[in-house]
Amino acid sequence: MGKTTQPRRADAERNIATILATATRLLCADPGASVAEIAKAAGVGRVTLYGHFPSRESLVDAVLEHAVDHAELALSGLDLEGLPAPEALERLVASSWEILDRHSRLFVAADRALPAERIRERHSGPLARVERLIVRGRDEGSFRTDLPLSWLVSTFLVVLHNAAGEIEAGRLPREEAAEVLTRTLRSVLVSG
């Protein structure tokens, strides 16, 4: 009876899941964690890790995708529709920051390893939510209309991610970040 590839496929899937979980944990602790450190902590060889993720960039990209997918799942439960746009913005910022805060050092690693456009692509789901909110706020007359929509959406992402870098650099106290983000984004988006 010949061998089937099914057990190897299941092993590969387990390896990938273990590598992603380990990389997330290590990159959240140290944005500069090396591939060798991640492989060792995951209990796989570097050859195995590189077999699934051919570069550190591809590994960081996969970890970012995994984290954003989990964030999107958490944010999808937010009920923003029944609130006026400025209040919905505050709730979205607070919820987004809560998620980002848990992964803030991961986003520092992503900023170091990935092109800005790739990071934006990975955030397409959450950014669609932000865009819908801005459009609704404009329709309600609450949000500014004098700047391009794409600019405002990009600004939301950059400001949120910049908070992680500012905390990492010691220039923004973690406990003040949610309030600073809310006030900053309100000043950017709310008209009047």
Protein backbone atom coordinates (compact mmCIF):
# COMPACT_ATOMS: atom_id res chain seq x y z
CA MET A 1 0.00 0.00 0.00
CA GLY A 2 1.56 3.33 -1.09
CA LYS A 3 1.84 6.46 0.99
CA THR A 4 -0.67 9.21 0.50
CA THR A 5 0.14 12.88 0.66
CA GLN A 6 -2.74 13.55 3.07
CA PRO A 7 -0.70 13.20 6.31
CA ARG A 8 2.00 15.47 4.92
CA ARG A 9 -0.65 18.04 3.95
CA ALA A 10 -2.11 17.95 7.48
CA ASP A 11 1.40 18.26 8.93
CA ALA A 12 2.09 21.21 6.67
CA GLU A 13 -1.13 22.92 7.75
CA ARG A 14 -0.23 22.35 11.41
CA ASN A 15 3.26 23.70 10.78
CA ILE A 16 1.88 26.81 9.11
CA ALA A 17 -0.59 27.41 11.96
CA THR A 18 2.16 26.93 14.54
CA ILE A 19 4.57 29.19 12.66
CA LEU A 20 1.94 31.94 12.34
CA ALA A 21 0.95 31.75 16.01
CA THR A 22 4.58 31.74 17.12
CA ALA A 23 5.57 34.55 14.76
CA THR A 24 2.64 36.63 15.98
CA ARG A 25 3.66 36.10 19.60
CA LEU A 26 7.35 36.81 18.99
CA LEU A 27 6.82 39.81 16.71
CA CYS A 28 4.40 41.28 19.26
CA ALA A 29 7.16 40.93 21.85
CA ASP A 30 10.03 42.02 19.57
CA PRO A 31 9.39 43.53 16.12
CA GLY A 32 12.94 42.56 15.15
CA ALA A 33 12.54 38.85 15.92
CA SER A 34 14.52 36.84 13.39
CA VAL A 35 13.33 33.97 11.23
CA ALA A 36 15.73 31.68 13.10
CA GLU A 37 14.21 32.69 16.46
CA ILE A 38 10.69 32.16 15.12
CA ALA A 39 11.55 28.74 13.64
CA LYS A 40 13.20 27.60 16.87
CA ALA A 41 10.28 28.77 19.04
CA ALA A 42 7.81 27.12 16.63
CA GLY A 43 9.70 23.83 16.86
CA VAL A 44 10.47 23.68 13.15
CA GLY A 45 13.67 24.00 11.20
CA ARG A 46 14.49 27.08 9.17
CA VAL A 47 14.21 24.97 6.01
CA THR A 48 10.62 24.06 6.96
CA LEU A 49 9.78 27.66 7.76
CA TYR A 50 11.30 28.88 4.49
CA GLY A 51 9.40 26.14 2.68
CA HIS A 52 6.17 27.86 3.71
CA PHE A 53 7.41 31.46 3.84
CA PRO A 54 10.30 32.08 1.46
CA SER A 55 11.42 35.31 3.17
CA ARG A 56 11.01 37.22 6.40
CA GLU A 57 8.90 39.70 4.45
CA SER A 58 6.50 36.95 3.33
CA LEU A 59 6.27 35.67 6.92
CA VAL A 60 5.54 39.15 8.31
CA ASP A 61 3.00 39.65 5.51
CA ALA A 62 1.23 36.39 6.41
CA VAL A 63 1.22 37.27 10.11
CA LEU A 64 -0.18 40.71 9.31
CA GLU A 65 -2.90 39.16 7.14
CA HIS A 66 -3.77 36.74 9.94
CA ALA A 67 -3.94 39.54 12.53
CA VAL A 68 -6.02 41.82 10.30
CA ASP A 69 -8.43 38.96 9.53
CA HIS A 70 -8.95 38.45 13.27
CA ALA A 71 -9.38 42.19 13.78
CA GLU A 72 -11.90 42.35 10.96
CA LEU A 73 -13.87 39.54 12.55
CA ALA A 74 -13.93 41.39 15.87
CA LEU A 75 -14.85 44.73 14.26
CA SER A 76 -17.61 43.17 12.16
CA GLY A 77 -19.65 42.83 15.35
CA LEU A 78 -19.68 46.58 15.97
CA ASP A 79 -23.06 48.21 15.49
CA LEU A 80 -22.16 51.62 14.12
CA GLU A 81 -25.21 52.20 11.95
CA GLY A 82 -27.55 53.38 14.71
CA LEU A 83 -25.15 56.07 15.92
CA PRO A 84 -24.50 59.54 14.52
CA ALA A 85 -21.28 59.43 12.50
CA PRO A 86 -19.09 61.29 15.06
CA GLU A 87 -20.16 58.87 17.82
CA ALA A 88 -19.67 55.91 15.50
CA LEU A 89 -16.19 57.24 14.74
CA GLU A 90 -15.35 57.31 18.45
CA ARG A 91 -16.60 53.74 18.91
CA LEU A 92 -14.69 52.54 15.83
CA VAL A 93 -11.48 54.25 16.96
CA ALA A 94 -11.77 52.83 20.49
CA SER A 95 -12.47 49.31 19.20
CA SER A 96 -9.78 49.51 16.52
CA TRP A 97 -7.23 50.79 18.99
CA GLU A 98 -8.07 48.04 21.47
CA ILE A 99 -7.25 45.48 18.76
CA LEU A 100 -4.24 47.37 17.43
CA ASP A 101 -2.87 47.83 20.93
CA ARG A 102 -2.66 44.06 21.38
CA HIS A 103 -0.67 43.85 18.15
CA SER A 104 1.08 47.23 18.16
CA ARG A 105 4.59 45.80 17.97
CA LEU A 106 3.51 43.51 15.14
CA PHE A 107 2.51 46.59 13.17
CA VAL A 108 5.92 48.09 13.90
CA ALA A 109 7.45 44.92 12.39
CA ALA A 110 5.14 45.26 9.37
CA ASP A 111 6.09 48.91 8.89
CA ARG A 112 9.76 47.88 8.88
CA ALA A 113 9.37 44.87 6.57
CA LEU A 114 6.58 45.68 4.12
CA PRO A 115 5.90 48.42 1.60
CA ALA A 116 3.19 50.87 2.68
CA GLU A 117 0.96 49.81 -0.21
CA ARG A 118 1.08 46.17 0.91
CA ILE A 119 0.07 47.17 4.43
CA ARG A 120 -2.83 49.14 3.00
CA GLU A 121 -3.88 46.16 0.84
CA ARG A 122 -3.93 43.94 3.92
CA HIS A 123 -6.30 46.45 5.58
CA SER A 124 -8.81 46.57 2.72
CA GLY A 125 -11.65 45.10 4.83
CA PRO A 126 -11.28 47.43 7.81
CA LEU A 127 -10.65 50.39 5.50
CA ALA A 128 -13.90 49.68 3.65
CA ARG A 129 -15.67 50.05 7.01
CA VAL A 130 -13.88 53.38 7.60
CA GLU A 131 -14.81 54.57 4.12
CA ARG A 132 -18.49 53.71 4.63
CA LEU A 133 -18.48 55.62 7.90
CA ILE A 134 -16.86 58.68 6.33
CA VAL A 135 -19.35 58.63 3.44
CA ARG A 136 -22.22 58.37 5.91
CA GLY A 137 -20.78 61.21 7.98
CA ARG A 138 -20.52 63.34 4.86
CA ASP A 139 -24.12 62.52 3.92
CA GLU A 140 -25.22 63.50 7.46
CA GLY A 141 -23.28 66.78 7.17
CA SER A 142 -21.00 65.84 10.09
CA PHE A 143 -17.77 65.06 8.25
CA ARG A 144 -15.76 67.31 6.01
CA THR A 145 -16.19 67.18 2.25
CA ASP A 146 -13.34 69.49 1.26
CA LEU A 147 -10.73 66.71 1.14
CA PRO A 148 -10.71 63.59 -1.05
CA LEU A 149 -12.34 60.54 0.48
CA SER A 150 -9.31 58.35 -0.27
CA TRP A 151 -7.09 60.84 1.58
CA LEU A 152 -9.26 60.75 4.68
CA VAL A 153 -9.36 56.94 4.68
CA SER A 154 -5.56 56.77 4.28
CA THR A 155 -5.11 59.33 7.04
CA PHE A 156 -7.22 57.19 9.39
CA LEU A 157 -4.96 54.18 8.76
CA VAL A 158 -1.70 56.13 9.02
CA VAL A 159 -2.70 57.87 12.25
CA LEU A 160 -3.80 54.61 13.85
CA HIS A 161 -0.61 52.82 12.88
CA ASN A 162 1.58 55.76 13.79
CA ALA A 163 0.32 55.50 17.36
CA ALA A 164 1.94 52.07 17.59
CA GLY A 165 5.27 53.52 16.48
CA GLU A 166 4.99 56.43 18.88
CA ILE A 167 4.33 54.09 21.79
CA GLU A 168 7.25 51.89 20.73
CA ALA A 169 9.52 54.97 20.65
CA GLY A 170 8.32 56.09 24.08
CA ARG A 171 6.79 59.33 22.81
CA LEU A 172 3.16 58.40 23.50
CA PRO A 173 2.03 56.78 26.73
CA ARG A 174 0.00 53.66 25.95
CA GLU A 175 -2.78 54.65 28.35
CA GLU A 176 -3.26 57.96 26.50
CA ALA A 177 -3.30 56.53 22.98
CA ALA A 178 -7.05 55.91 22.57
CA GLU A 179 -7.93 59.45 23.63
CA VAL A 180 -5.18 61.00 21.49
CA LEU A 181 -6.32 58.97 18.48
CA THR A 182 -9.97 59.91 18.95
CA ARG A 183 -9.20 63.61 19.29
CA THR A 184 -6.81 63.57 16.34
CA LEU A 185 -9.18 61.73 14.01
CA ARG A 186 -12.15 63.89 15.05
CA SER A 187 -10.10 66.98 14.19
CA VAL A 188 -9.30 65.49 10.78
CA LEU A 189 -12.79 64.22 9.89
CA VAL A 190 -15.44 66.26 11.67
CA SER A 191 -16.49 69.43 9.88
CA GLY A 192 -16.96 72.74 11.61
